[in-house]
C-alpha atoms as a PDB file:
ATOM      1  CA  MET A   1       3.363 -23.076 -12.253  1.00  0.00           C
ATOM      2  CA  GLY A   2       0.128 -23.289 -14.397  1.00  0.00           C
ATOM      3  CA  ASN A   3      -2.080 -21.607 -11.903  1.00  0.00           C
ATOM      4  CA  LEU A   4       0.629 -18.839 -11.717  1.00  0.00           C
ATOM      5  CA  GLN A   5       0.787 -18.397 -14.929  1.00  0.00           C
ATOM      6  CA  LEU A   6      -3.202 -17.291 -15.035  1.00  0.00           C
ATOM      7  CA  SER A   7      -2.558 -14.981 -12.212  1.00  0.00           C
ATOM      8  CA  ALA A   8       0.471 -13.346 -14.182  1.00  0.00           C
ATOM      9  CA  LYS A   9      -1.216 -13.110 -17.397  1.00  0.00           C
ATOM     10  CA  ASN A  10      -4.194 -10.923 -15.101  1.00  0.00           C
ATOM     11  CA  THR A  11      -1.112  -9.055 -13.826  1.00  0.00           C
ATOM     12  CA  LEU A  12      -0.101  -7.975 -17.245  1.00  0.00           C
ATOM     13  CA  ASN A  13      -3.721  -7.483 -18.286  1.00  0.00           C
ATOM     14  CA  CYS A  14      -4.269  -4.856 -15.753  1.00  0.00           C
ATOM     15  CA  PHE A  15      -1.331  -2.459 -17.812  1.00  0.00           C
ATOM     16  CA  LYS A  16      -2.639  -3.250 -21.298  1.00  0.00           C
ATOM     17  CA  THR A  17       0.601  -4.146 -22.634  1.00  0.00           C
ATOM     18  CA  LYS A  18       1.942  -3.435 -26.286  1.00  0.00           C
ATOM     19  CA  LYS A  19       4.822  -5.204 -28.115  1.00  0.00           C
ATOM     20  CA  GLY A  20       7.881  -3.057 -28.237  1.00  0.00           C
ATOM     21  CA  GLU A  21       7.331  -1.539 -24.622  1.00  0.00           C
ATOM     22  CA  ASP A  22      10.386  -2.028 -22.023  1.00  0.00           C
ATOM     23  CA  ILE A  23       8.911  -3.989 -19.486  1.00  0.00           C
ATOM     24  CA  LEU A  24      10.980  -4.609 -16.252  1.00  0.00           C
ATOM     25  CA  ILE A  25       9.962  -6.759 -13.618  1.00  0.00           C
ATOM     26  CA  ILE A  26      11.880  -6.024 -10.083  1.00  0.00           C
ATOM     27  CA  THR A  27      12.456  -8.815  -7.218  1.00  0.00           C
ATOM     28  CA  ASP A  28      14.419 -10.653  -4.738  1.00  0.00           C
ATOM     29  CA  VAL A  29      15.261 -14.316  -3.683  1.00  0.00           C
ATOM     30  CA  ASN A  30      12.112 -14.451  -1.809  1.00  0.00           C
ATOM     31  CA  LYS A  31       9.794 -13.296  -4.542  1.00  0.00           C
ATOM     32  CA  LYS A  32      11.463 -14.887  -7.170  1.00  0.00           C
ATOM     33  CA  ASN A  33       9.138 -17.730  -8.369  1.00  0.00           C
ATOM     34  CA  ILE A  34       6.465 -14.824  -8.841  1.00  0.00           C
ATOM     35  CA  ALA A  35       8.901 -12.965 -11.060  1.00  0.00           C
ATOM     36  CA  LEU A  36       9.451 -16.037 -13.141  1.00  0.00           C
ATOM     37  CA  ALA A  37       6.089 -16.747 -13.414  1.00  0.00           C
ATOM     38  CA  ILE A  38       5.339 -12.552 -14.743  1.00  0.00           C
ATOM     39  CA  TYR A  39       8.484 -12.891 -16.934  1.00  0.00           C
ATOM     40  CA  LYS A  40       7.390 -16.579 -18.554  1.00  0.00           C
ATOM     41  CA  GLU A  41       4.036 -14.818 -19.490  1.00  0.00           C
ATOM     42  CA  ALA A  42       5.345 -11.694 -20.875  1.00  0.00           C
ATOM     43  CA  LEU A  43       7.721 -13.853 -23.001  1.00  0.00           C
ATOM     44  CA  ASP A  44       4.870 -15.776 -24.052  1.00  0.00           C
ATOM     45  CA  ILE A  45       2.734 -12.868 -25.670  1.00  0.00           C
ATOM     46  CA  GLY A  46       5.646 -11.400 -27.716  1.00  0.00           C
ATOM     47  CA  LEU A  47       7.357  -9.250 -25.256  1.00  0.00           C
ATOM     48  CA  ASP A  48      10.836  -8.398 -23.724  1.00  0.00           C
ATOM     49  CA  PRO A  49      11.024  -8.806 -20.446  1.00  0.00           C
ATOM     50  CA  ILE A  50      13.755  -7.949 -18.162  1.00  0.00           C
ATOM     51  CA  ILE A  51      14.085  -9.350 -14.474  1.00  0.00           C
ATOM     52  CA  MET A  52      16.500  -7.699 -11.988  1.00  0.00           C
ATOM     53  CA  GLU A  53      17.493  -8.988  -8.697  1.00  0.00           C
ATOM     54  CA  MET A  54      18.193  -7.166  -5.566  1.00  0.00           C
ATOM     55  CA  VAL A  55      19.046  -7.843  -1.976  1.00  0.00           C
ATOM     56  CA  PRO A  56      15.744  -7.646  -0.188  1.00  0.00           C
ATOM     57  CA  ARG A  57      15.720  -4.251   1.667  1.00  0.00           C
ATOM     58  CA  ARG A  58      15.517  -3.779   5.345  1.00  0.00           C
ATOM     59  CA  PHE A  59      12.284  -1.468   5.771  1.00  0.00           C
ATOM     60  CA  ASP A  60       9.211  -1.218   3.853  1.00  0.00           C
ATOM     61  CA  GLY A  61       9.994   2.311   1.906  1.00  0.00           C
ATOM     62  CA  GLU A  62      13.786   1.930   1.611  1.00  0.00           C
ATOM     63  CA  GLU A  63      15.029   2.831  -1.861  1.00  0.00           C
ATOM     64  CA  PRO A  64      16.152  -0.060  -4.331  1.00  0.00           C
ATOM     65  CA  PRO A  65      19.705   0.161  -5.661  1.00  0.00           C
ATOM     66  CA  ARG A  66      21.289   2.934  -7.818  1.00  0.00           C
ATOM     67  CA  ALA A  67      21.175   0.493 -10.789  1.00  0.00           C
ATOM     68  CA  VAL A  68      17.502  -0.455 -10.245  1.00  0.00           C
ATOM     69  CA  ALA A  69      16.337   3.032  -9.692  1.00  0.00           C
ATOM     70  CA  HIS A  70      18.004   3.867 -13.165  1.00  0.00           C
ATOM     71  CA  ALA A  71      16.453   1.048 -14.951  1.00  0.00           C
ATOM     72  CA  MET A  72      13.299   2.077 -13.617  1.00  0.00           C
ATOM     73  CA  LEU A  73      13.525   5.483 -15.179  1.00  0.00           C
ATOM     74  CA  PHE A  74      14.041   3.991 -18.703  1.00  0.00           C
ATOM     75  CA  SER A  75      10.883   1.492 -18.439  1.00  0.00           C
ATOM     76  CA  ASP A  76       7.474   1.765 -19.854  1.00  0.00           C
ATOM     77  CA  VAL A  77       6.089  -0.840 -17.391  1.00  0.00           C
ATOM     78  CA  ILE A  78       7.547  -1.844 -14.186  1.00  0.00           C
ATOM     79  CA  ILE A  79       6.142  -4.933 -11.848  1.00  0.00           C
ATOM     80  CA  ALA A  80       7.760  -5.278  -8.231  1.00  0.00           C
ATOM     81  CA  PRO A  81       6.756  -8.340  -6.293  1.00  0.00           C
ATOM     82  CA  THR A  82       9.396  -7.695  -3.534  1.00  0.00           C
ATOM     83  CA  THR A  83       9.886  -8.530   0.078  1.00  0.00           C
ATOM     84  CA  LYS A  84       9.830  -4.846   1.136  1.00  0.00           C
ATOM     85  CA  SER A  85       7.784  -2.050  -0.358  1.00  0.00           C
ATOM     86  CA  ILE A  86       9.610  -0.039  -2.897  1.00  0.00           C
ATOM     87  CA  THR A  87       6.355   2.218  -3.435  1.00  0.00           C
ATOM     88  CA  HIS A  88       6.839   4.935  -1.041  1.00  0.00           C
ATOM     89  CA  THR A  89      10.532   5.422  -2.680  1.00  0.00           C
ATOM     90  CA  ASN A  90      12.244   8.543  -4.686  1.00  0.00           C
ATOM     91  CA  ALA A  91      12.600   5.792  -7.173  1.00  0.00           C
ATOM     92  CA  ARG A  92       9.485   4.742  -7.622  1.00  0.00           C
ATOM     93  CA  ARG A  93       7.979   8.308  -7.419  1.00  0.00           C
ATOM     94  CA  ASN A  94      10.362   9.473 -10.113  1.00  0.00           C
ATOM     95  CA  ALA A  95       9.716   6.525 -12.480  1.00  0.00           C
ATOM     96  CA  THR A  96       6.287   7.621 -12.197  1.00  0.00           C
ATOM     97  CA  LYS A  97       6.764  11.340 -13.109  1.00  0.00           C
ATOM     98  CA  ASN A  98       8.844   9.944 -16.045  1.00  0.00           C
ATOM     99  CA  GLY A  99       5.737   8.103 -17.672  1.00  0.00           C
ATOM    100  CA  ALA A 100       6.486   4.424 -16.559  1.00  0.00           C
ATOM    101  CA  ARG A 101       3.071   2.631 -15.433  1.00  0.00           C
ATOM    102  CA  ILE A 102       3.803   0.880 -11.783  1.00  0.00           C
ATOM    103  CA  ALA A 103       2.800  -2.064  -9.859  1.00  0.00           C
ATOM    104  CA  THR A 104       4.280  -2.767  -6.391  1.00  0.00           C
ATOM    105  CA  MET A 105       3.225  -6.342  -4.732  1.00  0.00           C
ATOM    106  CA  PRO A 106       5.381  -5.681  -1.587  1.00  0.00           C
ATOM    107  CA  GLY A 107       5.383  -8.744   0.774  1.00  0.00           C
ATOM    108  CA  ILE A 108       3.056 -10.765  -1.888  1.00  0.00           C
ATOM    109  CA  THR A 109       2.858 -14.762  -1.812  1.00  0.00           C
ATOM    110  CA  GLU A 110       2.160 -17.277  -3.990  1.00  0.00           C
ATOM    111  CA  GLU A 111      -0.994 -17.915  -2.171  1.00  0.00           C
ATOM    112  CA  VAL A 112      -2.184 -14.139  -1.891  1.00  0.00           C
ATOM    113  CA  PHE A 113      -0.828 -14.227  -5.910  1.00  0.00           C
ATOM    114  CA  LEU A 114      -3.084 -16.702  -6.868  1.00  0.00           C
ATOM    115  CA  ARG A 115      -6.502 -16.230  -4.835  1.00  0.00           C
ATOM    116  CA  THR A 116      -6.115 -12.195  -5.663  1.00  0.00           C
ATOM    117  CA  MET A 117      -5.035 -11.727  -9.176  1.00  0.00           C
ATOM    118  CA  GLN A 118      -7.510 -14.436 -10.855  1.00  0.00           C
ATOM    119  CA  PHE A 119     -10.315 -11.932 -11.865  1.00  0.00           C
ATOM    120  CA  ASP A 120     -10.751  -8.489 -13.542  1.00  0.00           C
ATOM    121  CA  TYR A 121      -9.830  -5.486 -11.576  1.00  0.00           C
ATOM    122  CA  SER A 122     -12.900  -3.496 -13.492  1.00  0.00           C
ATOM    123  CA  SER A 123     -15.374  -5.172 -11.094  1.00  0.00           C
ATOM    124  CA  ILE A 124     -13.721  -2.671  -7.699  1.00  0.00           C
ATOM    125  CA  LYS A 125     -13.607   0.121  -9.799  1.00  0.00           C
ATOM    126  CA  TYR A 126     -16.538   2.014  -9.077  1.00  0.00           C
ATOM    127  CA  THR A 127     -16.761   1.454  -5.389  1.00  0.00           C
ATOM    128  CA  THR A 128     -12.943   2.613  -4.795  1.00  0.00           C
ATOM    129  CA  GLU A 129     -13.560   5.615  -7.110  1.00  0.00           C
ATOM    130  CA  LEU A 130     -16.688   6.453  -5.338  1.00  0.00           C
ATOM    131  CA  LEU A 131     -15.038   6.408  -2.035  1.00  0.00           C
ATOM    132  CA  THR A 132     -12.374   8.259  -3.607  1.00  0.00           C
ATOM    133  CA  LYS A 133     -14.752  11.205  -4.030  1.00  0.00           C
ATOM    134  CA  PHE A 134     -16.200  11.245  -0.528  1.00  0.00           C
ATOM    135  CA  LEU A 135     -12.638  11.506   0.845  1.00  0.00           C
ATOM    136  CA  ASP A 136     -12.008  14.585  -1.220  1.00  0.00           C
ATOM    137  CA  LYS A 137     -14.920  16.248  -0.422  1.00  0.00           C
ATOM    138  CA  THR A 138     -14.238  15.322   3.676  1.00  0.00           C
ATOM    139  CA  LYS A 139     -13.393  18.438   6.132  1.00  0.00           C
ATOM    140  CA  THR A 140     -13.207  15.971   8.971  1.00  0.00           C
ATOM    141  CA  ALA A 141     -13.043  12.156   9.554  1.00  0.00           C
ATOM    142  CA  THR A 142     -13.429  10.725  12.634  1.00  0.00           C
ATOM    143  CA  ILE A 143     -12.500   6.718  12.923  1.00  0.00           C
ATOM    144  CA  THR A 144     -13.423   4.089  15.906  1.00  0.00           C
ATOM    145  CA  SER A 145     -13.944   0.401  16.124  1.00  0.00           C
ATOM    146  CA  ASN A 146     -14.991  -2.509  18.321  1.00  0.00           C
ATOM    147  CA  ASN A 147     -11.183  -2.671  19.632  1.00  0.00           C
ATOM    148  CA  GLY A 148     -11.325   0.552  21.002  1.00  0.00           C
ATOM    149  CA  THR A 149      -9.801   2.686  18.029  1.00  0.00           C
ATOM    150  CA  ASN A 150     -11.168   6.593  18.162  1.00  0.00           C
ATOM    151  CA  ILE A 151      -9.221   9.146  15.959  1.00  0.00           C
ATOM    152  CA  THR A 152     -10.178  12.374  14.399  1.00  0.00           C
ATOM    153  CA  PHE A 153      -8.373  14.347  11.708  1.00  0.00           C
ATOM    154  CA  LYS A 154      -8.598  16.563   9.232  1.00  0.00           C
ATOM    155  CA  LEU A 155      -8.902  15.912   5.309  1.00  0.00           C
ATOM    156  CA  GLY A 156      -8.322  18.454   2.633  1.00  0.00           C
ATOM    157  CA  ASN A 157      -5.285  17.076   0.390  1.00  0.00           C
ATOM    158  CA  LYS A 158      -6.413  14.894  -2.630  1.00  0.00           C
ATOM    159  CA  ALA A 159      -7.519  11.215  -2.180  1.00  0.00           C
ATOM    160  CA  SER A 160      -6.013   8.604  -4.611  1.00  0.00           C
ATOM    161  CA  ALA A 161      -7.971   5.444  -5.871  1.00  0.00           C
ATOM    162  CA  ASP A 162      -6.047   2.528  -6.261  1.00  0.00           C
ATOM    163  CA  THR A 163      -7.899   0.315  -8.686  1.00  0.00           C
ATOM    164  CA  GLY A 164      -5.066  -1.637 -10.625  1.00  0.00           C
ATOM    165  CA  THR A 165      -5.906   0.078 -14.045  1.00  0.00           C
ATOM    166  CA  LEU A 166      -2.565   1.024 -15.506  1.00  0.00           C
ATOM    167  CA  LYS A 167      -3.079   1.568 -18.546  1.00  0.00           C
ATOM    168  CA  ASP A 168      -2.567   5.345 -18.941  1.00  0.00           C
ATOM    169  CA  TYR A 169       1.092   7.269 -19.075  1.00  0.00           C
ATOM    170  CA  GLY A 170       2.374   7.458 -15.261  1.00  0.00           C
ATOM    171  CA  SER A 171      -0.079   5.174 -13.817  1.00  0.00           C
ATOM    172  CA  PHE A 172       0.677   3.583 -10.420  1.00  0.00           C
ATOM    173  CA  SER A 173      -0.988   0.910  -8.293  1.00  0.00           C
ATOM    174  CA  ASN A 174      -0.360  -1.947  -6.390  1.00  0.00           C
ATOM    175  CA  LEU A 175      -1.499  -5.531  -7.270  1.00  0.00           C
ATOM    176  CA  PRO A 176      -3.552  -7.116  -5.753  1.00  0.00           C
ATOM    177  CA  ALA A 177      -5.123  -3.397  -6.113  1.00  0.00           C
ATOM    178  CA  GLY A 178      -8.664  -2.432  -3.929  1.00  0.00           C
ATOM    179  CA  GLU A 179      -8.285   0.644  -1.743  1.00  0.00           C
ATOM    180  CA  THR A 180      -8.356   4.683  -1.397  1.00  0.00           C
ATOM    181  CA  SER A 181      -6.035   6.331   0.644  1.00  0.00           C
ATOM    182  CA  VAL A 182      -5.036  10.165   1.711  1.00  0.00           C
ATOM    183  CA  ALA A 183      -2.751  11.845   3.709  1.00  0.00           C
ATOM    184  CA  PRO A 184      -4.256  13.497   6.606  1.00  0.00           C
ATOM    185  CA  VAL A 185      -3.808  17.090   7.067  1.00  0.00           C
ATOM    186  CA  GLU A 186      -0.336  16.918   8.879  1.00  0.00           C
ATOM    187  CA  ARG A 187      -0.555  17.271  12.818  1.00  0.00           C
ATOM    188  CA  THR A 188      -4.150  17.355  12.872  1.00  0.00           C
ATOM    189  CA  ALA A 189      -4.898  13.568  14.543  1.00  0.00           C
ATOM    190  CA  SER A 190      -5.439  12.983  17.616  1.00  0.00           C
ATOM    191  CA  GLY A 191      -6.994   9.790  19.520  1.00  0.00           C
ATOM    192  CA  ILE A 192      -6.365   5.977  19.894  1.00  0.00           C
ATOM    193  CA  ILE A 193      -5.818   4.095  16.959  1.00  0.00           C
ATOM    194  CA  VAL A 194      -5.696   0.188  18.067  1.00  0.00           C
ATOM    195  CA  ALA A 195      -4.196  -1.816  15.228  1.00  0.00           C
ATOM    196  CA  ASP A 196      -5.007  -5.413  14.745  1.00  0.00           C
ATOM    197  CA  TYR A 197      -2.499  -6.284  11.879  1.00  0.00           C
ATOM    198  CA  CYS A 198       0.725  -5.573  10.814  1.00  0.00           C
ATOM    199  CA  GLY A 199       2.181  -8.185   8.662  1.00  0.00           C
ATOM    200  CA  ASP A 200       4.680 -10.153  11.360  1.00  0.00           C
ATOM    201  CA  VAL A 201       5.150  -7.061  13.667  1.00  0.00           C
ATOM    202  CA  ILE A 202       1.249  -7.216  14.963  1.00  0.00           C
ATOM    203  CA  LYS A 203      -0.646  -9.877  15.685  1.00  0.00           C
ATOM    204  CA  ILE A 204      -2.688  -8.937  18.295  1.00  0.00           C
ATOM    205  CA  PRO A 205      -4.598  -5.558  19.386  1.00  0.00           C
ATOM    206  CA  THR A 206      -2.107  -2.722  20.273  1.00  0.00           C
ATOM    207  CA  LYS A 207      -3.222   0.283  21.046  1.00  0.00           C
ATOM    208  CA  ILE A 208      -1.182   3.315  19.633  1.00  0.00           C
ATOM    209  CA  GLN A 209      -2.078   6.842  21.163  1.00  0.00           C
ATOM    210  CA  ILE A 210      -1.168   9.478  18.533  1.00  0.00           C
ATOM    211  CA  GLU A 211      -1.184  13.541  19.445  1.00  0.00           C
ATOM    212  CA  ASN A 212      -0.919  16.149  16.717  1.00  0.00           C
ATOM    213  CA  GLY A 213      -0.129  14.032  14.224  1.00  0.00           C
ATOM    214  CA  PHE A 214       2.650  12.014  15.784  1.00  0.00           C
ATOM    215  CA  ILE A 215       2.710   8.951  17.755  1.00  0.00           C
ATOM    216  CA  LYS A 216       3.024   9.775  21.500  1.00  0.00           C
ATOM    217  CA  ASN A 217       2.751   6.404  22.756  1.00  0.00           C
ATOM    218  CA  ILE A 218       2.599   2.589  21.954  1.00  0.00           C
ATOM    219  CA  GLN A 219       1.042  -0.449  24.596  1.00  0.00           C
ATOM    220  CA  GLU A 220       4.087  -2.106  25.817  1.00  0.00           C
ATOM    221  CA  ASN A 221       2.561  -5.564  24.750  1.00  0.00           C
ATOM    222  CA  ASN A 222       5.055  -8.080  23.266  1.00  0.00           C
ATOM    223  CA  ASP A 223       3.553  -6.267  19.465  1.00  0.00           C
ATOM    224  CA  GLY A 224       3.763  -3.338  20.617  1.00  0.00           C
ATOM    225  CA  ILE A 225       7.664  -3.506  22.002  1.00  0.00           C
ATOM    226  CA  LYS A 226       8.009  -4.938  18.537  1.00  0.00           C
ATOM    227  CA  LEU A 227       6.633  -1.707  16.487  1.00  0.00           C
ATOM    228  CA  LYS A 228       8.775   0.714  18.685  1.00  0.00           C
ATOM    229  CA  LYS A 229      11.886  -1.213  18.382  1.00  0.00           C
ATOM    230  CA  LEU A 230      11.288  -0.864  14.844  1.00  0.00           C
ATOM    231  CA  LEU A 231      10.277   2.301  14.464  1.00  0.00           C
ATOM    232  CA  ASP A 232      12.647   3.781  16.825  1.00  0.00           C
ATOM    233  CA  GLU A 233      15.247   1.668  14.298  1.00  0.00           C
ATOM    234  CA  VAL A 234      13.921   4.009  11.775  1.00  0.00           C
ATOM    235  CA  ASN A 235      14.430   7.031  13.256  1.00  0.00           C
ATOM    236  CA  ARG A 236      17.949   6.373  14.240  1.00  0.00           C
ATOM    237  CA  VAL A 237      18.485   5.697  10.520  1.00  0.00           C
ATOM    238  CA  ASP A 238      16.445   8.989   9.796  1.00  0.00           C
ATOM    239  CA  ASN A 239      18.152  10.997  12.501  1.00  0.00           C
ATOM    240  CA  SER A 240      14.437  12.228  12.999  1.00  0.00           C
ATOM    241  CA  LYS A 241      11.087  11.557  14.300  1.00  0.00           C
ATOM    242  CA  ASN A 242       9.659  10.919  11.204  1.00  0.00           C
ATOM    243  CA  ALA A 243       8.720   7.558  11.444  1.00  0.00           C
ATOM    244  CA  TYR A 244       6.186   8.316  14.204  1.00  0.00           C
ATOM    245  CA  ASN A 245       4.062  10.279  11.218  1.00  0.00           C
ATOM    246  CA  LEU A 246       1.026   9.108  10.913  1.00  0.00           C
ATOM    247  CA  ALA A 247       1.174   9.473   7.111  1.00  0.00           C
ATOM    248  CA  GLU A 248      -2.066   7.791   5.391  1.00  0.00           C
ATOM    249  CA  PHE A 249      -5.547   6.807   5.946  1.00  0.00           C
ATOM    250  CA  GLY A 250      -6.884   4.363   3.609  1.00  0.00           C
ATOM    251  CA  ILE A 251     -10.134   2.216   3.381  1.00  0.00           C
ATOM    252  CA  GLY A 252      -9.833  -1.177   1.674  1.00  0.00           C
ATOM    253  CA  THR A 253     -12.544  -2.027  -1.230  1.00  0.00           C
ATOM    254  CA  ASN A 254     -11.385  -5.598  -3.018  1.00  0.00           C
ATOM    255  CA  PRO A 255     -14.089  -8.152  -1.820  1.00  0.00           C
ATOM    256  CA  TYR A 256     -11.684 -10.993  -3.160  1.00  0.00           C
ATOM    257  CA  ALA A 257      -8.855 -10.525  -0.205  1.00  0.00           C
ATOM    258  CA  LYS A 258      -9.043 -11.823   3.131  1.00  0.00           C
ATOM    259  CA  ILE A 259      -6.968 -11.047   5.968  1.00  0.00           C
ATOM    260  CA  SER A 260      -4.034 -13.514   5.647  1.00  0.00           C
ATOM    261  CA  GLY A 261      -1.164 -11.952   7.706  1.00  0.00           C
ATOM    262  CA  CYS A 262       0.272 -10.219   4.193  1.00  0.00           C
ATOM    263  CA  THR A 263      -0.053  -6.295   4.400  1.00  0.00           C
ATOM    264  CA  LEU A 264      -0.532  -6.054   0.739  1.00  0.00           C
ATOM    265  CA  GLU A 265      -3.456  -8.167   0.964  1.00  0.00           C
ATOM    266  CA  ASP A 266      -5.221  -7.246   4.350  1.00  0.00           C
ATOM    267  CA  GLU A 267      -5.525  -3.505   3.738  1.00  0.00           C
ATOM    268  CA  LYS A 268      -7.141  -4.005   0.447  1.00  0.00           C
ATOM    269  CA  VAL A 269      -9.855  -6.104   2.425  1.00  0.00           C
ATOM    270  CA  LEU A 270     -13.464  -4.702   1.867  1.00  0.00           C
ATOM    271  CA  GLY A 271     -14.444  -2.732   4.902  1.00  0.00           C
ATOM    272  CA  THR A 272     -11.333  -2.522   6.584  1.00  0.00           C
ATOM    273  CA  CYS A 273      -9.422   0.571   7.311  1.00  0.00           C
ATOM    274  CA  HIS A 274      -5.974   1.214   7.586  1.00  0.00           C
ATOM    275  CA  PHE A 275      -3.320   3.858   8.648  1.00  0.00           C
ATOM    276  CA  ALA A 276       0.305   4.223   7.700  1.00  0.00           C
ATOM    277  CA  PHE A 277       3.273   5.441  10.046  1.00  0.00           C
ATOM    278  CA  GLY A 278       6.267   7.389   8.283  1.00  0.00           C
ATOM    279  CA  ASP A 279       6.822   8.755   4.848  1.00  0.00           C
ATOM    280  CA  ASN A 280       3.993  10.999   3.096  1.00  0.00           C
ATOM    281  CA  THR A 281       5.502  12.301   0.360  1.00  0.00           C
ATOM    282  CA  SER A 282       4.051  10.119  -2.216  1.00  0.00           C
ATOM    283  CA  TYR A 283       1.052  11.462  -1.373  1.00  0.00           C
ATOM    284  CA  GLU A 284      -0.968  15.209  -2.619  1.00  0.00           C
ATOM    285  CA  GLY A 285       0.328  17.573   0.602  1.00  0.00           C
ATOM    286  CA  GLY A 286       2.116  14.967   2.049  1.00  0.00           C
ATOM    287  CA  THR A 287       5.805  16.545   3.556  1.00  0.00           C
ATOM    288  CA  ILE A 288       7.043  14.002   6.080  1.00  0.00           C
ATOM    289  CA  ASP A 289      10.356  12.318   4.667  1.00  0.00           C
ATOM    290  CA  SER A 290      11.235   9.218   5.802  1.00  0.00           C
ATOM    291  CA  THR A 291      12.967   5.607   5.395  1.00  0.00           C
ATOM    292  CA  ILE A 292       9.612   3.797   6.117  1.00  0.00           C
ATOM    293  CA  HIS A 293       6.069   3.626   5.611  1.00  0.00           C
ATOM    294  CA  LEU A 294       4.655   0.838   7.335  1.00  0.00           C
ATOM    295  CA  ASP A 295       0.488   0.256   7.225  1.00  0.00           C
ATOM    296  CA  ILE A 296      -1.404  -1.325  10.244  1.00  0.00           C
ATOM    297  CA  ILE A 297      -4.793  -2.660   9.469  1.00  0.00           C
ATOM    298  CA  ILE A 298      -8.215  -2.061  11.593  1.00  0.00           C
ATOM    299  CA  LYS A 299     -10.914  -4.458  11.140  1.00  0.00           C
ATOM    300  CA  ASN A 300     -14.731  -4.123  12.075  1.00  0.00           C
ATOM    301  CA  VAL A 301     -14.438   0.125  11.093  1.00  0.00           C
ATOM    302  CA  THR A 302     -17.113   2.707  11.932  1.00  0.00           C
ATOM    303  CA  VAL A 303     -15.573   5.594   9.371  1.00  0.00           C
ATOM    304  CA  LYS A 304     -17.712   9.053   9.639  1.00  0.00           C
ATOM    305  CA  LEU A 305     -16.865  11.409   7.084  1.00  0.00           C
ATOM    306  CA  ASP A 306     -17.927  15.049   8.360  1.00  0.00           C
ATOM    307  CA  ASN A 307     -21.677  14.171   9.590  1.00  0.00           C
ATOM    308  CA  LYS A 308     -21.858  11.173   7.591  1.00  0.00           C
ATOM    309  CA  ILE A 309     -21.357   7.207   8.557  1.00  0.00           C
ATOM    310  CA  ILE A 310     -20.544   5.677   5.176  1.00  0.00           C
ATOM    311  CA  ILE A 311     -18.846   2.296   6.887  1.00  0.00           C
ATOM    312  CA  ASN A 312     -20.703   0.895   9.680  1.00  0.00           C
ATOM    313  CA  ASN A 313     -18.986  -1.995  11.806  1.00  0.00           C
ATOM    314  CA  GLY A 314     -17.282  -3.198   8.506  1.00  0.00           C
ATOM    315  CA  LYS A 315     -20.078  -2.459   6.354  1.00  0.00           C
ATOM    316  CA  ILE A 316     -19.837   0.097   3.529  1.00  0.00           C
ATOM    317  CA  LEU A 317     -23.205   1.850   3.645  1.00  0.00           C
ATOM    318  CA  ILE A 318     -23.112   4.019   0.663  1.00  0.00           C
END
């Protein structure tokens, strides 16, 4: 586990952990090796960590068990290598409000952990925060791609910078980090998104039609059928159509990330963008509540913010 230990060390370095802090590591059977590496490193530097193992969640965004959510409220540092994301859950949001410093690592693999947690995350901070400022100043965004994406939506909600810096009270990030993201103004998005990747769900380009901020139609190829089946299952759980909501727009800023099939890494790749469907209540201005928050990735994008092109065919111009 030597290589895993270096990544574990860099993970804990993101928090600037101190002796006496309560360190909670949340995991499941599929990600236990990564959790154990972080646990061992925490012990080695004199911390007193706890691991909680839960049954893998069904969907990204499904709540963890109540015992886990309760423990999160009373932890200083929370690290969550899990199969499905607990990022957009009430448990995570409540722990953040209570001051916990949290890194979620949904879907992370040992390969991704080794590749993306071997460097100092301060190196991506400048680009990420600069792009965040651009999103904050923008009124209208238009996203196009070589595969046929052409969608426009209004902005006006505050964007967030995911830099991997977790030393401040209530700070939150994915690890690996490297994105800026925002909730589009609800019900303003219309156009076509051609998704290039979405974990195990989408592996070939799949067209998704958006009208007034919600999915109107999904291309009926094999991957489109899988996506619709998943979102319809969540809609039955939610007893609403909220899984169809266009919840998030984000831009990847991590030059060390690459397309790997792991959405956690794919959405961080420098010059890509991503959209999410479902819950957006983690974002300022978001009011749509759902059991799921599902990210889809688009490569070779051109991003126009108001009248300024900031990304041209995947190349950042600022």
